[in-house]
Amino acid sequence: MCPVTIGAALTGTAAGAAGSTLAASQFATGASVLMGGANSILSIQGQRQTAKAQAQAQAQQTKAEQQRLLQQQSAERINQRFQEEQAASQLQKSVTKAREARATARVSAGESGVAGISVDALMNDLTRKQAVYSFGLTRQLEQSNIATDLRMQDNALGSSQRLLAINKPIEQPDYLGGILKGATTGLNTYGTLSNIKT
């Protein structure tokens, strides 16, 4: 064989090997970019879906807590109204009983022939007892109303604490972190594929 032919054959073989190496390098680069990009997209999509699911869960739990507080406060107010109605009824009964007791005492005193200071003292005693009972009943109702108001404030504070626990900040997608993670994956893939070709 002639030296020119041998040189041409060697040059062609070297050019073919260089072309094959270039194709493998381009494949490694393309595969690494594709892997890195896919990893970034999947990572960011996963973070978005997690944030969206957490926001939905928080919205549902917030609504449920608000409804629970509303029902609890309504029950407290209904109970308060019931106690007020009950106290008013008892007060009215005491006034009626005191009036009847005074009338009965006055008639009995008249029939017995008793008059004067002793009858007035009896009437005053019956009036005093009715006033003491009315004052006690009114005072008890006031204290009950204060206790109801304190319970309602405590319920609202507890609900606020539960809402704070429910609505913790939602971690938003980390775009830079996803891109860097994708770039790292791409570089690792490129390094692996580059090692395979050699």
N, C-alpha and C. Protein backbone atom coordinates (compact mmCIF):
# COMPACT_ATOMS: atom_id res chain seq x y z
N MET A 1 0.85 -1.17 0.00
CA MET A 1 0.00 0.00 0.00
C MET A 1 0.89 1.22 0.00
N CYS A 2 0.38 2.22 -0.56
CA CYS A 2 1.16 3.44 -0.72
C CYS A 2 1.06 4.29 0.52
N PRO A 3 2.13 5.02 0.85
CA PRO A 3 2.10 5.79 2.08
C PRO A 3 0.99 6.83 2.09
N VAL A 4 0.60 7.37 0.94
CA VAL A 4 -0.46 8.38 0.90
C VAL A 4 -1.77 7.72 1.27
N THR A 5 -2.00 6.52 0.77
CA THR A 5 -3.24 5.80 1.05
C THR A 5 -3.31 5.45 2.53
N ILE A 6 -2.17 5.00 3.07
CA ILE A 6 -2.14 4.65 4.49
C ILE A 6 -2.41 5.89 5.33
N GLY A 7 -1.81 7.00 4.95
CA GLY A 7 -2.04 8.26 5.69
C GLY A 7 -3.50 8.67 5.62
N ALA A 8 -4.09 8.53 4.41
CA ALA A 8 -5.50 8.91 4.24
C ALA A 8 -6.39 8.00 5.06
N ALA A 9 -6.05 6.70 5.09
CA ALA A 9 -6.85 5.75 5.86
C ALA A 9 -6.75 6.07 7.34
N LEU A 10 -5.53 6.39 7.79
CA LEU A 10 -5.36 6.72 9.21
C LEU A 10 -6.09 8.02 9.54
N THR A 11 -6.04 8.99 8.66
CA THR A 11 -6.71 10.26 8.89
C THR A 11 -8.21 10.05 8.91
N GLY A 12 -8.74 9.23 8.04
CA GLY A 12 -10.19 8.93 8.00
C GLY A 12 -10.62 8.23 9.26
N THR A 13 -9.80 7.31 9.78
CA THR A 13 -10.13 6.60 11.01
C THR A 13 -10.12 7.56 12.19
N ALA A 14 -9.15 8.46 12.20
CA ALA A 14 -9.07 9.44 13.28
C ALA A 14 -10.25 10.40 13.20
N ALA A 15 -10.64 10.78 11.99
CA ALA A 15 -11.79 11.68 11.82
C ALA A 15 -13.06 10.98 12.24
N GLY A 16 -13.18 9.69 11.94
CA GLY A 16 -14.37 8.92 12.34
C GLY A 16 -14.44 8.80 13.84
N ALA A 17 -13.30 8.58 14.48
CA ALA A 17 -13.27 8.47 15.94
C ALA A 17 -13.60 9.82 16.57
N ALA A 18 -13.09 10.90 15.98
CA ALA A 18 -13.37 12.23 16.52
C ALA A 18 -14.85 12.54 16.37
N GLY A 19 -15.45 12.15 15.25
CA GLY A 19 -16.89 12.37 15.02
C GLY A 19 -17.71 11.57 16.01
N SER A 20 -17.28 10.36 16.28
CA SER A 20 -17.98 9.51 17.25
C SER A 20 -17.88 10.09 18.65
N THR A 21 -16.72 10.63 19.00
CA THR A 21 -16.52 11.24 20.32
C THR A 21 -17.37 12.50 20.43
N LEU A 22 -17.45 13.28 19.35
CA LEU A 22 -18.26 14.49 19.35
C LEU A 22 -19.74 14.15 19.51
N ALA A 23 -20.20 13.13 18.84
CA ALA A 23 -21.61 12.71 18.95
C ALA A 23 -21.92 12.24 20.37
N ALA A 24 -21.01 11.48 20.96
CA ALA A 24 -21.21 10.99 22.33
C ALA A 24 -21.23 12.16 23.30
N SER A 25 -20.36 13.14 23.05
CA SER A 25 -20.31 14.31 23.92
C SER A 25 -21.60 15.12 23.81
N GLN A 26 -22.09 15.27 22.58
CA GLN A 26 -23.35 16.00 22.38
C GLN A 26 -24.51 15.24 23.04
N PHE A 27 -24.52 13.92 22.94
CA PHE A 27 -25.56 13.11 23.58
C PHE A 27 -25.51 13.29 25.10
N ALA A 28 -24.30 13.26 25.67
CA ALA A 28 -24.15 13.42 27.12
C ALA A 28 -24.63 14.80 27.56
N THR A 29 -24.28 15.82 26.77
CA THR A 29 -24.71 17.17 27.11
C THR A 29 -26.22 17.30 27.03
N GLY A 30 -26.80 16.80 25.94
CA GLY A 30 -28.26 16.86 25.77
C GLY A 30 -28.99 16.08 26.85
N ALA A 31 -28.50 14.89 27.16
CA ALA A 31 -29.14 14.07 28.19
C ALA A 31 -29.03 14.74 29.56
N SER A 32 -27.90 15.34 29.83
CA SER A 32 -27.73 15.98 31.14
C SER A 32 -28.62 17.21 31.27
N VAL A 33 -28.76 17.99 30.19
CA VAL A 33 -29.65 19.16 30.21
C VAL A 33 -31.10 18.70 30.38
N LEU A 34 -31.48 17.68 29.68
CA LEU A 34 -32.84 17.14 29.76
C LEU A 34 -33.13 16.61 31.16
N MET A 35 -32.22 15.86 31.74
CA MET A 35 -32.40 15.32 33.09
C MET A 35 -32.47 16.45 34.12
N GLY A 36 -31.59 17.42 33.99
CA GLY A 36 -31.59 18.55 34.93
C GLY A 36 -32.87 19.36 34.84
N GLY A 37 -33.31 19.64 33.63
CA GLY A 37 -34.55 20.41 33.43
C GLY A 37 -35.76 19.66 33.95
N ALA A 38 -35.83 18.36 33.65
CA ALA A 38 -36.96 17.56 34.13
C ALA A 38 -36.97 17.51 35.65
N ASN A 39 -35.82 17.35 36.25
CA ASN A 39 -35.73 17.32 37.72
C ASN A 39 -36.19 18.64 38.32
N SER A 40 -35.78 19.76 37.71
CA SER A 40 -36.19 21.08 38.21
C SER A 40 -37.70 21.24 38.12
N ILE A 41 -38.26 20.90 36.97
CA ILE A 41 -39.70 21.05 36.76
C ILE A 41 -40.48 20.18 37.74
N LEU A 42 -40.07 18.93 37.87
CA LEU A 42 -40.78 18.02 38.79
C LEU A 42 -40.67 18.49 40.24
N SER A 43 -39.53 18.98 40.62
CA SER A 43 -39.33 19.46 41.99
C SER A 43 -40.22 20.66 42.28
N ILE A 44 -40.25 21.61 41.36
CA ILE A 44 -41.07 22.82 41.55
C ILE A 44 -42.56 22.47 41.52
N GLN A 45 -42.97 21.58 40.61
CA GLN A 45 -44.37 21.16 40.56
C GLN A 45 -44.79 20.47 41.85
N GLY A 46 -43.93 19.63 42.37
CA GLY A 46 -44.22 18.95 43.64
C GLY A 46 -44.37 19.95 44.78
N GLN A 47 -43.50 20.94 44.81
CA GLN A 47 -43.59 21.98 45.85
C GLN A 47 -44.87 22.78 45.71
N ARG A 48 -45.27 23.09 44.46
CA ARG A 48 -46.50 23.84 44.23
C ARG A 48 -47.72 23.03 44.69
N GLN A 49 -47.75 21.75 44.34
CA GLN A 49 -48.87 20.90 44.73
C GLN A 49 -48.96 20.76 46.25
N THR A 50 -47.83 20.64 46.90
CA THR A 50 -47.82 20.54 48.37
C THR A 50 -48.35 21.83 48.99
N ALA A 51 -47.89 22.97 48.49
CA ALA A 51 -48.35 24.26 49.02
C ALA A 51 -49.85 24.44 48.78
N LYS A 52 -50.34 24.05 47.62
CA LYS A 52 -51.76 24.17 47.30
C LYS A 52 -52.60 23.27 48.20
N ALA A 53 -52.15 22.05 48.41
CA ALA A 53 -52.87 21.12 49.29
C ALA A 53 -52.89 21.63 50.72
N GLN A 54 -51.79 22.19 51.17
CA GLN A 54 -51.72 22.71 52.54
C GLN A 54 -52.65 23.93 52.67
N ALA A 55 -52.70 24.78 51.66
CA ALA A 55 -53.58 25.96 51.71
C ALA A 55 -55.04 25.53 51.76
N GLN A 56 -55.40 24.51 50.99
CA GLN A 56 -56.78 24.00 51.01
C GLN A 56 -57.12 23.41 52.37
N ALA A 57 -56.21 22.65 52.94
CA ALA A 57 -56.44 22.05 54.26
C ALA A 57 -56.59 23.15 55.31
N GLN A 58 -55.76 24.16 55.24
CA GLN A 58 -55.85 25.26 56.19
C GLN A 58 -57.18 26.00 56.06
N ALA A 59 -57.63 26.20 54.83
CA ALA A 59 -58.90 26.90 54.62
C ALA A 59 -60.06 26.10 55.21
N GLN A 60 -60.05 24.78 55.02
CA GLN A 60 -61.11 23.93 55.57
C GLN A 60 -61.07 23.92 57.09
N GLN A 61 -59.89 23.79 57.66
CA GLN A 61 -59.76 23.77 59.12
C GLN A 61 -60.12 25.12 59.72
N THR A 62 -59.78 26.21 59.04
CA THR A 62 -60.13 27.55 59.52
C THR A 62 -61.65 27.71 59.54
N LYS A 63 -62.30 27.29 58.46
CA LYS A 63 -63.76 27.39 58.38
C LYS A 63 -64.42 26.56 59.47
N ALA A 64 -63.91 25.36 59.70
CA ALA A 64 -64.46 24.49 60.74
C ALA A 64 -64.27 25.11 62.13
N GLU A 65 -63.13 25.72 62.39
CA GLU A 65 -62.87 26.34 63.69
C GLU A 65 -63.77 27.56 63.88
N GLN A 66 -63.95 28.34 62.84
CA GLN A 66 -64.84 29.50 62.94
C GLN A 66 -66.28 29.06 63.23
N GLN A 67 -66.71 28.00 62.58
CA GLN A 67 -68.06 27.47 62.80
C GLN A 67 -68.18 26.94 64.23
N ARG A 68 -67.16 26.25 64.72
CA ARG A 68 -67.18 25.71 66.08
C ARG A 68 -67.31 26.85 67.10
N LEU A 69 -66.53 27.93 66.90
CA LEU A 69 -66.59 29.07 67.82
C LEU A 69 -67.97 29.72 67.77
N LEU A 70 -68.51 29.89 66.57
CA LEU A 70 -69.83 30.51 66.43
C LEU A 70 -70.90 29.70 67.18
N GLN A 71 -70.86 28.38 67.04
CA GLN A 71 -71.82 27.53 67.74
C GLN A 71 -71.62 27.60 69.26
N GLN A 72 -70.38 27.61 69.68
CA GLN A 72 -70.09 27.67 71.11
C GLN A 72 -70.57 29.00 71.70
N GLN A 73 -70.31 30.10 71.00
CA GLN A 73 -70.74 31.41 71.49
C GLN A 73 -72.26 31.51 71.48
N SER A 74 -72.90 30.96 70.46
CA SER A 74 -74.37 30.97 70.40
C SER A 74 -74.96 30.19 71.56
N ALA A 75 -74.37 29.04 71.88
CA ALA A 75 -74.85 28.24 73.01
C ALA A 75 -74.71 29.01 74.32
N GLU A 76 -73.61 29.74 74.48
CA GLU A 76 -73.41 30.54 75.68
C GLU A 76 -74.49 31.62 75.80
N ARG A 77 -74.80 32.29 74.69
CA ARG A 77 -75.81 33.35 74.71
C ARG A 77 -77.21 32.78 74.97
N ILE A 78 -77.51 31.64 74.39
CA ILE A 78 -78.81 30.99 74.64
C ILE A 78 -78.93 30.63 76.11
N ASN A 79 -77.89 30.08 76.68
CA ASN A 79 -77.89 29.73 78.11
C ASN A 79 -78.05 30.98 78.97
N GLN A 80 -77.39 32.06 78.57
CA GLN A 80 -77.49 33.32 79.31
C GLN A 80 -78.93 33.85 79.27
N ARG A 81 -79.56 33.81 78.10
CA ARG A 81 -80.95 34.27 77.99
C ARG A 81 -81.88 33.41 78.84
N PHE A 82 -81.64 32.11 78.82
CA PHE A 82 -82.46 31.20 79.63
C PHE A 82 -82.35 31.55 81.11
N GLN A 83 -81.14 31.80 81.58
CA GLN A 83 -80.93 32.17 82.99
C GLN A 83 -81.60 33.50 83.32
N GLU A 84 -81.54 34.45 82.39
CA GLU A 84 -82.19 35.74 82.61
C GLU A 84 -83.70 35.58 82.70
N GLU A 85 -84.28 34.77 81.81
CA GLU A 85 -85.73 34.52 81.83
C GLU A 85 -86.13 33.81 83.12
N GLN A 86 -85.33 32.85 83.53
CA GLN A 86 -85.60 32.11 84.76
C GLN A 86 -85.53 33.05 85.97
N ALA A 87 -84.55 33.93 86.02
CA ALA A 87 -84.41 34.87 87.12
C ALA A 87 -85.58 35.85 87.13
N ALA A 88 -85.99 36.34 85.96
CA ALA A 88 -87.13 37.27 85.88
C ALA A 88 -88.41 36.59 86.38
N SER A 89 -88.57 35.33 86.02
CA SER A 89 -89.75 34.58 86.48
C SER A 89 -89.72 34.41 88.00
N GLN A 90 -88.56 34.05 88.54
CA GLN A 90 -88.45 33.89 89.99
C GLN A 90 -88.67 35.22 90.71
N LEU A 91 -88.17 36.29 90.13
CA LEU A 91 -88.35 37.62 90.73
C LEU A 91 -89.83 38.00 90.74
N GLN A 92 -90.51 37.74 89.64
CA GLN A 92 -91.94 38.05 89.56
C GLN A 92 -92.72 37.22 90.58
N LYS A 93 -92.36 35.95 90.72
CA LYS A 93 -93.04 35.09 91.70
C LYS A 93 -92.79 35.60 93.12
N SER A 94 -91.58 36.05 93.40
CA SER A 94 -91.27 36.54 94.75
C SER A 94 -92.05 37.82 95.07
N VAL A 95 -92.19 38.69 94.07
CA VAL A 95 -92.95 39.93 94.26
C VAL A 95 -94.42 39.59 94.54
N THR A 96 -94.97 38.65 93.78
CA THR A 96 -96.36 38.24 93.97
C THR A 96 -96.55 37.60 95.35
N LYS A 97 -95.63 36.70 95.71
CA LYS A 97 -95.74 36.04 97.03
C LYS A 97 -95.62 37.05 98.16
N ALA A 98 -94.73 38.01 98.04
CA ALA A 98 -94.57 39.03 99.08
C ALA A 98 -95.82 39.88 99.20
N ARG A 99 -96.41 40.25 98.07
CA ARG A 99 -97.64 41.04 98.08
C ARG A 99 -98.76 40.26 98.77
N GLU A 100 -98.87 38.96 98.39
CA GLU A 100 -99.90 38.12 99.00
C GLU A 100 -99.65 37.96 100.50
N ALA A 101 -98.38 37.78 100.90
CA ALA A 101 -98.06 37.61 102.32
C ALA A 101 -98.40 38.87 103.10
N ARG A 102 -98.13 40.04 102.51
CA ARG A 102 -98.46 41.29 103.20
C ARG A 102 -99.98 41.46 103.33
N ALA A 103 -100.69 41.10 102.29
CA ALA A 103 -102.16 41.21 102.33
C ALA A 103 -102.74 40.25 103.37
N THR A 104 -102.23 39.03 103.37
CA THR A 104 -102.70 38.04 104.33
C THR A 104 -102.39 38.48 105.75
N ALA A 105 -101.20 39.00 105.98
CA ALA A 105 -100.81 39.45 107.32
C ALA A 105 -101.67 40.62 107.76
N ARG A 106 -101.99 41.56 106.84
CA ARG A 106 -102.80 42.72 107.20
C ARG A 106 -104.23 42.28 107.57
N VAL A 107 -104.79 41.34 106.77
CA VAL A 107 -106.14 40.85 107.05
C VAL A 107 -106.15 40.09 108.37
N SER A 108 -105.16 39.24 108.58
CA SER A 108 -105.09 38.46 109.83
C SER A 108 -104.95 39.38 111.03
N ALA A 109 -104.13 40.40 110.89
CA ALA A 109 -103.94 41.35 111.99
C ALA A 109 -105.24 42.09 112.27
N GLY A 110 -105.98 42.48 111.22
CA GLY A 110 -107.24 43.19 111.39
C GLY A 110 -108.28 42.32 112.06
N GLU A 111 -108.32 41.02 111.64
CA GLU A 111 -109.29 40.10 112.23
C GLU A 111 -108.96 39.81 113.69
N SER A 112 -107.69 39.85 114.02
CA SER A 112 -107.26 39.56 115.38
C SER A 112 -107.33 40.81 116.26
N GLY A 113 -107.55 41.93 115.67
CA GLY A 113 -107.62 43.17 116.42
C GLY A 113 -106.26 43.76 116.71
N VAL A 114 -105.25 43.28 116.00
CA VAL A 114 -103.90 43.81 116.22
C VAL A 114 -103.69 44.95 115.21
N ALA A 115 -103.14 46.04 115.68
CA ALA A 115 -102.90 47.19 114.80
C ALA A 115 -101.68 47.95 115.31
N GLY A 116 -101.29 48.92 114.53
CA GLY A 116 -100.22 49.79 114.98
C GLY A 116 -98.84 49.34 114.57
N ILE A 117 -97.90 49.55 115.49
CA ILE A 117 -96.48 49.34 115.22
C ILE A 117 -96.16 47.88 114.93
N SER A 118 -96.81 46.96 115.61
CA SER A 118 -96.50 45.54 115.38
C SER A 118 -96.90 45.11 113.98
N VAL A 119 -97.99 45.61 113.45
CA VAL A 119 -98.41 45.28 112.08
C VAL A 119 -97.45 45.94 111.09
N ASP A 120 -97.09 47.18 111.36
CA ASP A 120 -96.13 47.86 110.47
C ASP A 120 -94.78 47.13 110.47
N ALA A 121 -94.36 46.65 111.64
CA ALA A 121 -93.10 45.91 111.73
C ALA A 121 -93.18 44.62 110.93
N LEU A 122 -94.31 43.94 110.98
CA LEU A 122 -94.51 42.70 110.21
C LEU A 122 -94.47 43.01 108.71
N MET A 123 -95.15 44.08 108.30
CA MET A 123 -95.16 44.46 106.87
C MET A 123 -93.74 44.82 106.40
N ASN A 124 -93.04 45.56 107.23
CA ASN A 124 -91.67 45.95 106.88
C ASN A 124 -90.75 44.73 106.79
N ASP A 125 -90.96 43.77 107.68
CA ASP A 125 -90.15 42.55 107.67
C ASP A 125 -90.41 41.75 106.40
N LEU A 126 -91.67 41.63 106.00
CA LEU A 126 -92.00 40.92 104.76
C LEU A 126 -91.42 41.64 103.55
N THR A 127 -91.48 42.96 103.53
CA THR A 127 -90.92 43.76 102.43
C THR A 127 -89.40 43.61 102.39
N ARG A 128 -88.77 43.62 103.57
CA ARG A 128 -87.32 43.46 103.64
C ARG A 128 -86.89 42.10 103.09
N LYS A 129 -87.61 41.04 103.51
CA LYS A 129 -87.27 39.68 103.03
C LYS A 129 -87.39 39.59 101.51
N GLN A 130 -88.44 40.21 100.97
CA GLN A 130 -88.62 40.19 99.51
C GLN A 130 -87.51 40.98 98.83
N ALA A 131 -87.10 42.10 99.40
CA ALA A 131 -86.02 42.92 98.83
C ALA A 131 -84.69 42.18 98.88
N VAL A 132 -84.41 41.49 100.00
CA VAL A 132 -83.16 40.72 100.13
C VAL A 132 -83.14 39.60 99.09
N TYR A 133 -84.25 38.92 98.93
CA TYR A 133 -84.34 37.83 97.93
C TYR A 133 -84.13 38.40 96.52
N SER A 134 -84.79 39.52 96.21
CA SER A 134 -84.66 40.13 94.88
C SER A 134 -83.23 40.58 94.62
N PHE A 135 -82.62 41.20 95.64
CA PHE A 135 -81.24 41.65 95.49
C PHE A 135 -80.32 40.45 95.24
N GLY A 136 -80.48 39.38 96.02
CA GLY A 136 -79.65 38.18 95.85
C GLY A 136 -79.81 37.57 94.48
N LEU A 137 -81.06 37.52 94.02
CA LEU A 137 -81.33 36.95 92.69
C LEU A 137 -80.70 37.81 91.59
N THR A 138 -80.84 39.13 91.73
CA THR A 138 -80.26 40.05 90.74
C THR A 138 -78.73 39.95 90.75
N ARG A 139 -78.17 39.89 91.94
CA ARG A 139 -76.71 39.77 92.07
C ARG A 139 -76.21 38.46 91.47
N GLN A 140 -76.92 37.39 91.72
CA GLN A 140 -76.55 36.09 91.16
C GLN A 140 -76.59 36.13 89.63
N LEU A 141 -77.60 36.78 89.06
CA LEU A 141 -77.70 36.90 87.61
C LEU A 141 -76.55 37.74 87.05
N GLU A 142 -76.21 38.82 87.73
CA GLU A 142 -75.07 39.65 87.29
C GLU A 142 -73.78 38.85 87.27
N GLN A 143 -73.55 38.07 88.31
CA GLN A 143 -72.34 37.24 88.38
C GLN A 143 -72.34 36.17 87.29
N SER A 144 -73.51 35.62 87.04
CA SER A 144 -73.63 34.62 85.97
C SER A 144 -73.32 35.25 84.61
N ASN A 145 -73.79 36.48 84.40
CA ASN A 145 -73.51 37.19 83.13
C ASN A 145 -72.02 37.50 82.99
N ILE A 146 -71.39 37.88 84.09
CA ILE A 146 -69.94 38.13 84.06
C ILE A 146 -69.19 36.85 83.72
N ALA A 147 -69.61 35.74 84.34
CA ALA A 147 -68.96 34.45 84.06
C ALA A 147 -69.16 34.05 82.60
N THR A 148 -70.35 34.30 82.07
CA THR A 148 -70.61 34.00 80.65
C THR A 148 -69.72 34.83 79.75
N ASP A 149 -69.61 36.12 80.05
CA ASP A 149 -68.75 36.99 79.23
C ASP A 149 -67.29 36.54 79.28
N LEU A 150 -66.83 36.15 80.46
CA LEU A 150 -65.44 35.67 80.59
C LEU A 150 -65.24 34.37 79.82
N ARG A 151 -66.22 33.46 79.88
CA ARG A 151 -66.12 32.21 79.11
C ARG A 151 -66.07 32.50 77.62
N MET A 152 -66.88 33.45 77.18
CA MET A 152 -66.91 33.78 75.75
C MET A 152 -65.58 34.40 75.31
N GLN A 153 -65.01 35.25 76.15
CA GLN A 153 -63.69 35.81 75.83
C GLN A 153 -62.63 34.71 75.78
N ASP A 154 -62.72 33.78 76.73
CA ASP A 154 -61.77 32.67 76.76
C ASP A 154 -61.95 31.79 75.53
N ASN A 155 -63.20 31.56 75.13
CA ASN A 155 -63.47 30.77 73.92
C ASN A 155 -62.87 31.45 72.69
N ALA A 156 -63.04 32.77 72.60
CA ALA A 156 -62.50 33.51 71.45
C ALA A 156 -60.97 33.47 71.44
N LEU A 157 -60.37 33.61 72.61
CA LEU A 157 -58.90 33.55 72.70
C LEU A 157 -58.40 32.16 72.32
N GLY A 158 -59.07 31.13 72.83
CA GLY A 158 -58.69 29.76 72.47
C GLY A 158 -58.83 29.51 70.98
N SER A 159 -59.89 30.04 70.40
CA SER A 159 -60.09 29.89 68.96
C SER A 159 -59.00 30.61 68.18
N SER A 160 -58.61 31.79 68.65
CA SER A 160 -57.52 32.52 67.98
C SER A 160 -56.23 31.71 68.02
N GLN A 161 -55.96 31.08 69.15
CA GLN A 161 -54.75 30.25 69.27
C GLN A 161 -54.82 29.05 68.31
N ARG A 162 -56.00 28.43 68.23
CA ARG A 162 -56.16 27.30 67.30
C ARG A 162 -56.00 27.75 65.85
N LEU A 163 -56.52 28.94 65.52
CA LEU A 163 -56.38 29.46 64.16
C LEU A 163 -54.92 29.76 63.83
N LEU A 164 -54.17 30.26 64.81
CA LEU A 164 -52.74 30.50 64.59
C LEU A 164 -52.01 29.18 64.34
N ALA A 165 -52.39 28.14 65.09
CA ALA A 165 -51.76 26.84 64.91
C ALA A 165 -52.11 26.24 63.55
N ILE A 166 -53.35 26.47 63.11
CA ILE A 166 -53.80 25.93 61.82
C ILE A 166 -53.11 26.66 60.68
N ASN A 167 -53.06 27.98 60.76
CA ASN A 167 -52.61 28.80 59.63
C ASN A 167 -51.14 29.20 59.75
N LYS A 168 -50.30 28.20 59.92
CA LYS A 168 -48.86 28.47 59.91
C LYS A 168 -48.46 28.82 58.47
N PRO A 169 -47.39 29.59 58.32
CA PRO A 169 -46.99 29.97 56.96
C PRO A 169 -46.73 28.74 56.08
N ILE A 170 -47.19 28.84 54.85
CA ILE A 170 -47.01 27.75 53.89
C ILE A 170 -45.71 27.99 53.14
N GLU A 171 -44.90 26.95 53.11
CA GLU A 171 -43.63 27.06 52.40
C GLU A 171 -43.91 27.13 50.90
N GLN A 172 -43.46 28.20 50.29
CA GLN A 172 -43.69 28.42 48.86
C GLN A 172 -42.62 27.68 48.04
N PRO A 173 -42.92 27.41 46.76
CA PRO A 173 -41.94 26.72 45.92
C PRO A 173 -40.62 27.47 45.88
N ASP A 174 -39.54 26.72 45.99
CA ASP A 174 -38.18 27.27 45.97
C ASP A 174 -37.65 27.14 44.55
N TYR A 175 -37.90 28.18 43.74
CA TYR A 175 -37.52 28.11 42.33
C TYR A 175 -36.00 28.02 42.17
N LEU A 176 -35.27 28.84 42.90
CA LEU A 176 -33.81 28.81 42.79
C LEU A 176 -33.27 27.46 43.24
N GLY A 177 -33.79 26.95 44.35
CA GLY A 177 -33.35 25.64 44.84
C GLY A 177 -33.66 24.54 43.84
N GLY A 178 -34.86 24.61 43.21
CA GLY A 178 -35.22 23.61 42.21
C GLY A 178 -34.31 23.66 41.00
N ILE A 179 -33.99 24.88 40.58
CA ILE A 179 -33.09 25.04 39.42
C ILE A 179 -31.70 24.53 39.76
N LEU A 180 -31.21 24.88 40.96
CA LEU A 180 -29.88 24.42 41.36
C LEU A 180 -29.84 22.90 41.49
N LYS A 181 -30.93 22.33 42.03
CA LYS A 181 -31.00 20.87 42.16
C LYS A 181 -31.00 20.23 40.78
N GLY A 182 -31.75 20.85 39.86
CA GLY A 182 -31.77 20.33 38.49
C GLY A 182 -30.41 20.44 37.82
N ALA A 183 -29.72 21.56 38.06
CA ALA A 183 -28.38 21.75 37.48
C ALA A 183 -27.41 20.71 38.04
N THR A 184 -27.53 20.44 39.36
CA THR A 184 -26.66 19.43 39.98
C THR A 184 -26.93 18.06 39.38
N THR A 185 -28.21 17.74 39.19
CA THR A 185 -28.55 16.45 38.58
C THR A 185 -28.01 16.38 37.16
N GLY A 186 -28.15 17.49 36.42
CA GLY A 186 -27.64 17.52 35.05
C GLY A 186 -26.13 17.33 35.00
N LEU A 187 -25.42 18.01 35.89
CA LEU A 187 -23.96 17.86 35.91
C LEU A 187 -23.54 16.45 36.30
N ASN A 188 -24.26 15.86 37.26
CA ASN A 188 -23.95 14.48 37.65
C ASN A 188 -24.21 13.52 36.49
N THR A 189 -25.32 13.75 35.79
CA THR A 189 -25.63 12.90 34.63
C THR A 189 -24.56 13.08 33.56
N TYR A 190 -24.15 14.30 33.31
CA TYR A 190 -23.11 14.57 32.31
C TYR A 190 -21.82 13.87 32.70
N GLY A 191 -21.44 13.96 33.97
CA GLY A 191 -20.20 13.31 34.43
C GLY A 191 -20.28 11.81 34.27
N THR A 192 -21.44 11.24 34.59
CA THR A 192 -21.61 9.79 34.47
C THR A 192 -21.52 9.35 33.01
N LEU A 193 -22.24 10.08 32.13
CA LEU A 193 -22.22 9.72 30.72
C LEU A 193 -20.83 9.95 30.09
N SER A 194 -20.13 10.97 30.56
CA SER A 194 -18.79 11.24 30.04
C SER A 194 -17.84 10.12 30.44
N ASN A 195 -18.02 9.60 31.64
CA ASN A 195 -17.16 8.48 32.09
C ASN A 195 -17.46 7.22 31.33
N ILE A 196 -18.69 7.02 30.91
CA ILE A 196 -19.06 5.80 30.17
C ILE A 196 -18.41 5.80 28.81
N LYS A 197 -18.30 6.93 28.11
CA LYS A 197 -17.77 6.99 26.74
C LYS A 197 -16.27 6.76 26.71
N THR A 198 -15.60 7.07 27.85
CA THR A 198 -14.14 6.93 27.79
C THR A 198 -13.71 5.55 28.20
